[in-house]
């Protein structure tokens, strides 16, 4: 039964029979037969079939929801038994929104010091994709915005508040200012993240609220691309204060606080809402909870 539920999860993730079979390490014929056996056992049609995968039936969507819970619990059981035998080990799968990637090391480094047998994979992703991957058991934890857009069934831990800076040439417009307003920032050409990123949607809302209309000269889903352009002192951008400090900008570029209003959004850790949690996730959440006050204080001081 667990294997067949894994097939359902793979189908939800891949949206294609062939790719789902490949992800499960079985033939497409084996996967299709497993899904059909599950349908026969439950007495309902789960998958809409045609020449290709066409989605789940309403009954299939409910089974998918249960599959996430059951497979998640089965994985948690196996991990807990393994941890009892040889201590905490295995792979912790993480993702972070681009603006939070510099803070990942603040969590992984002390955790690895306590649990040296644990390995990590970390990817940069959109907040929407982080929520989707956690729901589909593809991620163990994510660093993302809290309280702005729906997160799904997750446990959250606030870590710090994200404030915003204008990064601009020291000898350019507003380069000599101690602060700028959102209305002023809306009048200059910018390079920004792409609209699929929540940071960009936050910035767009603020610019429109101040009477402007976002029209960036350059868009990218990579913070590195934006920073390298800003470092030429020929481009301007809006970035979180923590990023401006992390990338150590040259003397030709200034980081100017944006005020009126002083906007702040909460970045936090999200993990699957599960009881009991897997030993890895529970230990990681506990470590994050211990360092959260110092992390928040250090970023607030920027």
Protein backbone atom coordinates (compact mmCIF):
# COMPACT_ATOMS: atom_id res chain seq x y z
CA UNK A 1 0.00 0.00 0.00
CA UNK A 2 2.80 2.45 0.90
CA UNK A 3 4.48 1.84 -2.45
CA UNK A 4 1.25 2.53 -4.33
CA UNK A 5 0.73 5.73 -2.38
CA UNK A 6 4.29 6.73 -3.30
CA UNK A 7 3.23 6.28 -6.94
CA UNK A 8 0.33 8.72 -6.37
CA UNK A 9 2.70 11.28 -4.84
CA UNK A 10 5.10 10.92 -7.77
CA UNK A 11 2.25 11.46 -10.24
CA UNK A 12 1.19 14.61 -8.39
CA UNK A 13 4.75 15.88 -8.51
CA UNK A 14 5.68 14.98 -12.08
CA UNK A 15 2.26 15.27 -13.79
CA UNK A 16 3.43 12.57 -16.22
CA UNK A 17 3.31 8.75 -16.00
CA UNK A 18 6.74 8.20 -17.53
CA UNK A 19 8.56 10.75 -15.36
CA UNK A 20 6.73 9.53 -12.24
CA UNK A 21 7.82 5.96 -12.96
CA UNK A 22 11.41 7.11 -13.47
CA UNK A 23 11.31 9.01 -10.16
CA UNK A 24 10.09 5.87 -8.39
CA UNK A 25 12.66 3.64 -10.07
CA UNK A 26 10.07 1.40 -11.72
CA UNK A 27 8.75 0.87 -15.24
CA UNK A 28 5.77 2.90 -16.43
CA UNK A 29 3.83 -0.36 -16.69
CA UNK A 30 4.52 -1.16 -13.02
CA UNK A 31 3.46 2.30 -11.90
CA UNK A 32 0.24 2.21 -13.94
CA UNK A 33 -0.58 -1.25 -12.59
CA UNK A 34 0.06 -0.10 -9.03
CA UNK A 35 -2.27 2.88 -9.42
CA UNK A 36 -4.95 0.68 -10.95
CA UNK A 37 -4.63 -1.84 -8.08
CA UNK A 38 -5.08 1.02 -5.60
CA UNK A 39 -8.19 2.16 -7.50
CA UNK A 40 -9.61 -1.36 -7.41
CA UNK A 41 -8.91 -1.70 -3.71
CA UNK A 42 -10.59 1.63 -2.89
CA UNK A 43 -13.38 1.14 -5.41
CA UNK A 44 -13.01 4.57 -7.02
CA UNK A 45 -11.28 6.12 -10.03
CA UNK A 46 -8.32 8.20 -8.86
CA UNK A 47 -6.66 9.37 -12.06
CA UNK A 48 -8.15 10.95 -15.16
CA UNK A 49 -6.62 9.06 -18.05
CA UNK A 50 -6.32 9.77 -21.74
CA UNK A 51 -3.37 9.65 -24.07
CA UNK A 52 -1.52 11.31 -21.17
CA UNK A 53 -1.98 12.15 -17.49
CA UNK A 54 -4.90 14.58 -17.16
CA UNK A 55 -5.02 15.08 -13.40
CA UNK A 56 -6.78 13.53 -10.43
CA UNK A 57 -10.48 12.96 -9.93
CA UNK A 58 -12.10 14.57 -6.85
CA UNK A 59 -11.68 11.21 -5.10
CA UNK A 60 -8.09 11.11 -6.26
CA UNK A 61 -7.41 14.51 -4.72
CA UNK A 62 -8.65 13.26 -1.34
CA UNK A 63 -6.54 10.10 -1.63
CA UNK A 64 -3.56 12.29 -2.53
CA UNK A 65 -4.11 14.25 0.68
CA UNK A 66 -4.17 11.04 2.71
CA UNK A 67 -1.17 9.69 0.80
CA UNK A 68 0.90 12.68 1.93
CA UNK A 69 0.01 11.99 5.55
CA UNK A 70 0.48 8.22 5.44
CA UNK A 71 3.73 8.26 3.47
CA UNK A 72 5.02 11.09 5.64
CA UNK A 73 4.26 9.09 8.79
CA UNK A 74 5.90 5.99 7.32
CA UNK A 75 9.06 7.95 6.50
CA UNK A 76 9.05 9.48 9.99
CA UNK A 77 8.79 6.01 11.54
CA UNK A 78 11.70 4.66 9.49
CA UNK A 79 13.83 7.70 10.30
CA UNK A 80 13.07 7.48 14.02
CA UNK A 81 13.97 3.80 14.16
CA UNK A 82 17.21 4.52 12.27
CA UNK A 83 18.03 7.38 14.67
CA UNK A 84 17.57 5.06 17.66
CA UNK A 85 20.06 2.63 16.14
CA UNK A 86 22.83 4.99 14.99
CA UNK A 87 21.98 8.55 16.02
CA UNK A 88 20.70 11.42 13.90
CA UNK A 89 21.81 11.10 10.27
CA UNK A 90 20.52 11.33 6.72
CA UNK A 91 19.71 14.15 4.30
CA UNK A 92 17.88 17.34 5.27
CA UNK A 93 16.30 18.89 2.17
CA UNK A 94 15.91 22.67 2.33
CA UNK A 95 14.86 25.55 0.10
CA UNK A 96 14.93 29.31 0.63
CA UNK A 97 13.49 32.30 -1.15
CA UNK A 98 16.38 34.18 -2.86
CA UNK A 99 16.42 37.04 -0.36
CA UNK A 100 16.83 34.57 2.55
CA UNK A 101 19.61 32.42 1.09
CA UNK A 102 22.40 34.28 2.98
CA UNK A 103 20.77 33.21 6.26
CA UNK A 104 20.77 29.47 5.54
CA UNK A 105 24.30 29.02 6.93
CA UNK A 106 23.21 30.57 10.23
CA UNK A 107 20.93 27.54 10.65
CA UNK A 108 22.86 24.69 9.02
CA UNK A 109 26.27 25.41 10.57
CA UNK A 110 25.35 25.09 14.28
CA UNK A 111 23.06 22.16 13.46
CA UNK A 112 25.87 20.28 11.72
CA UNK A 113 28.17 20.97 14.68
CA UNK A 114 25.71 19.04 16.86
CA UNK A 115 24.89 16.37 14.29
CA UNK A 116 27.93 15.77 12.03
CA UNK A 117 26.36 12.77 10.29
CA UNK A 118 23.58 14.91 8.78
CA UNK A 119 23.95 16.11 5.18
CA UNK A 120 22.07 18.95 3.47
CA UNK A 121 20.70 19.91 0.09
CA UNK A 122 19.75 23.59 -0.26
CA UNK A 123 18.06 25.18 -3.25
CA UNK A 124 16.83 28.68 -4.05
CA UNK A 125 13.12 28.74 -4.88
CA UNK A 126 9.93 30.80 -4.94
CA UNK A 127 7.70 30.88 -1.87
CA UNK A 128 4.95 29.15 -3.86
CA UNK A 129 7.28 26.34 -4.90
CA UNK A 130 8.51 25.88 -1.33
CA UNK A 131 4.92 25.41 -0.17
CA UNK A 132 4.20 22.96 -2.98
CA UNK A 133 7.31 20.88 -2.36
CA UNK A 134 6.70 20.67 1.39
CA UNK A 135 3.13 19.51 0.71
CA UNK A 136 4.43 16.82 -1.67
CA UNK A 137 7.11 15.64 0.81
CA UNK A 138 9.92 16.86 -1.46
CA UNK A 139 11.32 19.25 1.17
CA UNK A 140 11.91 18.98 4.90
CA UNK A 141 12.19 22.71 5.59
CA UNK A 142 12.00 26.09 3.92
CA UNK A 143 13.01 29.70 4.60
CA UNK A 144 10.27 31.95 3.30
CA UNK A 145 7.95 34.88 4.01
CA UNK A 146 5.36 34.40 6.76
CA UNK A 147 1.97 36.04 6.92
CA UNK A 148 1.80 37.49 3.40
CA UNK A 149 0.50 34.67 1.21
CA UNK A 150 -1.00 31.22 1.97
CA UNK A 151 1.57 28.70 3.21
CA UNK A 152 -0.49 25.52 3.41
CA UNK A 153 -0.30 23.05 6.31
CA UNK A 154 3.04 23.93 7.86
CA UNK A 155 4.55 24.68 11.25
CA UNK A 156 6.17 28.11 11.26
CA UNK A 157 8.96 29.73 13.28
CA UNK A 158 9.54 33.49 12.79
CA UNK A 159 13.27 34.25 12.51
CA UNK A 160 13.76 37.92 11.61
CA UNK A 161 12.21 41.00 10.01
CA UNK A 162 13.25 41.99 6.49
CA UNK A 163 13.76 45.76 5.93
CA UNK A 164 14.55 47.33 2.57
CA UNK A 165 17.37 49.43 1.14
CA UNK A 166 17.96 51.30 -2.09
CA UNK A 167 21.28 50.22 -3.57
CA UNK A 168 22.58 52.99 -5.81
CA UNK A 169 25.80 54.65 -6.97
CA UNK A 170 27.42 56.85 -4.32
CA UNK A 171 27.69 59.69 -6.83
CA UNK A 172 24.30 58.97 -8.43
CA UNK A 173 20.73 59.99 -7.67
CA UNK A 174 20.00 59.71 -3.94
CA UNK A 175 23.54 58.40 -3.36
CA UNK A 176 24.25 61.15 -0.85
CA UNK A 177 21.02 60.76 1.11
CA UNK A 178 20.60 59.23 4.58
CA UNK A 179 17.20 57.84 3.58
CA UNK A 180 14.73 57.87 0.69
CA UNK A 181 10.97 57.40 0.44
CA UNK A 182 9.15 54.75 -1.58
CA UNK A 183 7.70 57.53 -3.74
CA UNK A 184 11.23 58.73 -4.59
CA UNK A 185 12.46 55.21 -5.34
CA UNK A 186 9.52 54.74 -7.74
CA UNK A 187 10.89 57.51 -9.98
CA UNK A 188 14.25 55.88 -10.81
CA UNK A 189 15.08 52.92 -13.12
CA UNK A 190 15.67 49.70 -11.21
CA UNK A 191 16.77 46.11 -11.61
CA UNK A 192 14.53 43.75 -9.62
CA UNK A 193 13.67 40.10 -9.08
CA UNK A 194 11.15 38.52 -11.46
CA UNK A 195 7.41 38.81 -10.66
CA UNK A 196 7.17 35.14 -9.59
CA UNK A 197 9.26 36.03 -6.52
CA UNK A 198 7.34 37.23 -3.44
CA UNK A 199 9.99 39.88 -2.74
CA UNK A 200 9.16 41.45 -6.10
CA UNK A 201 5.44 41.39 -5.36
CA UNK A 202 6.10 43.12 -2.02
CA UNK A 203 8.16 45.82 -3.73
CA UNK A 204 5.56 46.30 -6.49
CA UNK A 205 2.81 46.79 -3.90
CA UNK A 206 4.85 49.40 -2.05
CA UNK A 207 5.76 51.30 -5.20
CA UNK A 208 2.13 51.37 -6.35
CA UNK A 209 0.95 52.43 -2.89
CA UNK A 210 3.38 55.37 -3.16
CA UNK A 211 1.90 56.38 -6.52
CA UNK A 212 4.45 54.75 -8.82
CA UNK A 213 4.31 51.93 -11.36
CA UNK A 214 7.09 49.30 -11.38
CA UNK A 215 8.95 49.27 -14.71
CA UNK A 216 12.36 47.67 -14.09
CA UNK A 217 15.06 47.88 -16.74
CA UNK A 218 16.28 44.41 -15.79
CA UNK A 219 14.59 41.43 -14.15
CA UNK A 220 16.24 38.25 -12.88
CA UNK A 221 15.41 35.37 -10.54
CA UNK A 222 19.00 35.49 -9.24
CA UNK A 223 20.17 37.85 -6.51
CA UNK A 224 23.74 37.38 -7.79
CA UNK A 225 22.74 38.84 -11.18
CA UNK A 226 21.19 41.88 -9.48
CA UNK A 227 24.13 42.41 -7.16
CA UNK A 228 26.72 42.19 -9.95
CA UNK A 229 24.82 44.84 -11.90
CA UNK A 230 24.52 47.10 -8.84
CA UNK A 231 28.25 46.74 -8.16
CA UNK A 232 29.04 48.42 -11.48
CA UNK A 233 27.56 51.62 -9.96
CA UNK A 234 25.51 51.97 -13.15
CA UNK A 235 22.35 50.28 -11.86
CA UNK A 236 20.07 50.66 -8.82
CA UNK A 237 17.99 48.06 -7.01
CA UNK A 238 15.86 47.47 -3.92
CA UNK A 239 17.14 44.72 -1.64
CA UNK A 240 16.77 43.56 1.96
CA UNK A 241 19.27 45.13 4.35
CA UNK A 242 20.78 41.73 5.16
CA UNK A 243 21.69 41.20 1.50
CA UNK A 244 23.31 44.60 1.24
CA UNK A 245 25.54 43.65 4.19
CA UNK A 246 26.22 40.10 3.00
CA UNK A 247 27.53 41.05 -0.43
CA UNK A 248 29.96 43.73 0.87
CA UNK A 249 29.32 46.36 -1.77
CA UNK A 250 32.16 48.56 -3.03
CA UNK A 251 32.66 52.16 -1.91
CA UNK A 252 31.07 53.25 -5.19
CA UNK A 253 27.70 51.81 -4.10
CA UNK A 254 25.59 52.95 -1.15
CA UNK A 255 22.86 51.16 0.76
CA UNK A 256 20.21 53.78 1.61
CA UNK A 257 17.30 52.94 3.98
CA UNK A 258 13.85 53.29 2.40
CA UNK A 259 11.37 55.00 4.73
CA UNK A 260 7.88 56.54 4.67
CA UNK A 261 6.80 53.93 5.38
CA UNK A 262 9.53 51.75 6.90
CA UNK A 263 8.22 48.46 5.54
CA UNK A 264 9.18 45.16 7.18
CA UNK A 265 8.16 41.55 6.48
CA UNK A 266 8.83 38.44 8.53
CA UNK A 267 11.10 35.68 7.25
CA UNK A 268 10.76 32.35 9.00
CA UNK A 269 11.34 28.63 8.94
CA UNK A 270 8.52 26.40 7.70
CA UNK A 271 8.37 22.63 8.13
CA UNK A 272 5.61 20.09 7.46
CA UNK A 273 2.81 20.18 10.03
CA UNK A 274 3.12 16.67 11.37
CA UNK A 275 2.86 14.96 14.75
CA UNK A 276 5.21 13.36 15.38
CA UNK A 277 7.76 15.14 13.19
CA UNK A 278 10.64 13.23 11.70
CA UNK A 279 13.65 13.25 14.08
CA UNK A 280 15.66 15.34 11.59
CA UNK A 281 13.00 18.02 11.23
CA UNK A 282 12.25 18.11 14.95
CA UNK A 283 15.94 18.56 15.82
CA UNK A 284 16.41 21.22 13.13
CA UNK A 285 13.36 23.16 14.32
CA UNK A 286 14.63 22.99 17.90
CA UNK A 287 18.05 24.33 16.85
CA UNK A 288 16.44 27.15 14.87
CA UNK A 289 14.22 28.06 17.82
CA UNK A 290 17.30 28.33 20.06
CA UNK A 291 19.18 30.72 17.77
CA UNK A 292 16.18 32.76 16.54
CA UNK A 293 16.41 35.55 19.18
CA UNK A 294 20.11 36.26 18.47
CA UNK A 295 19.52 36.06 14.71
CA UNK A 296 16.63 38.54 14.87
CA UNK A 297 18.65 40.93 17.04
CA UNK A 298 21.70 40.86 14.76
CA UNK A 299 19.63 41.63 11.65
CA UNK A 300 17.60 44.33 13.41
CA UNK A 301 20.90 46.09 14.17
CA UNK A 302 21.84 46.42 10.47
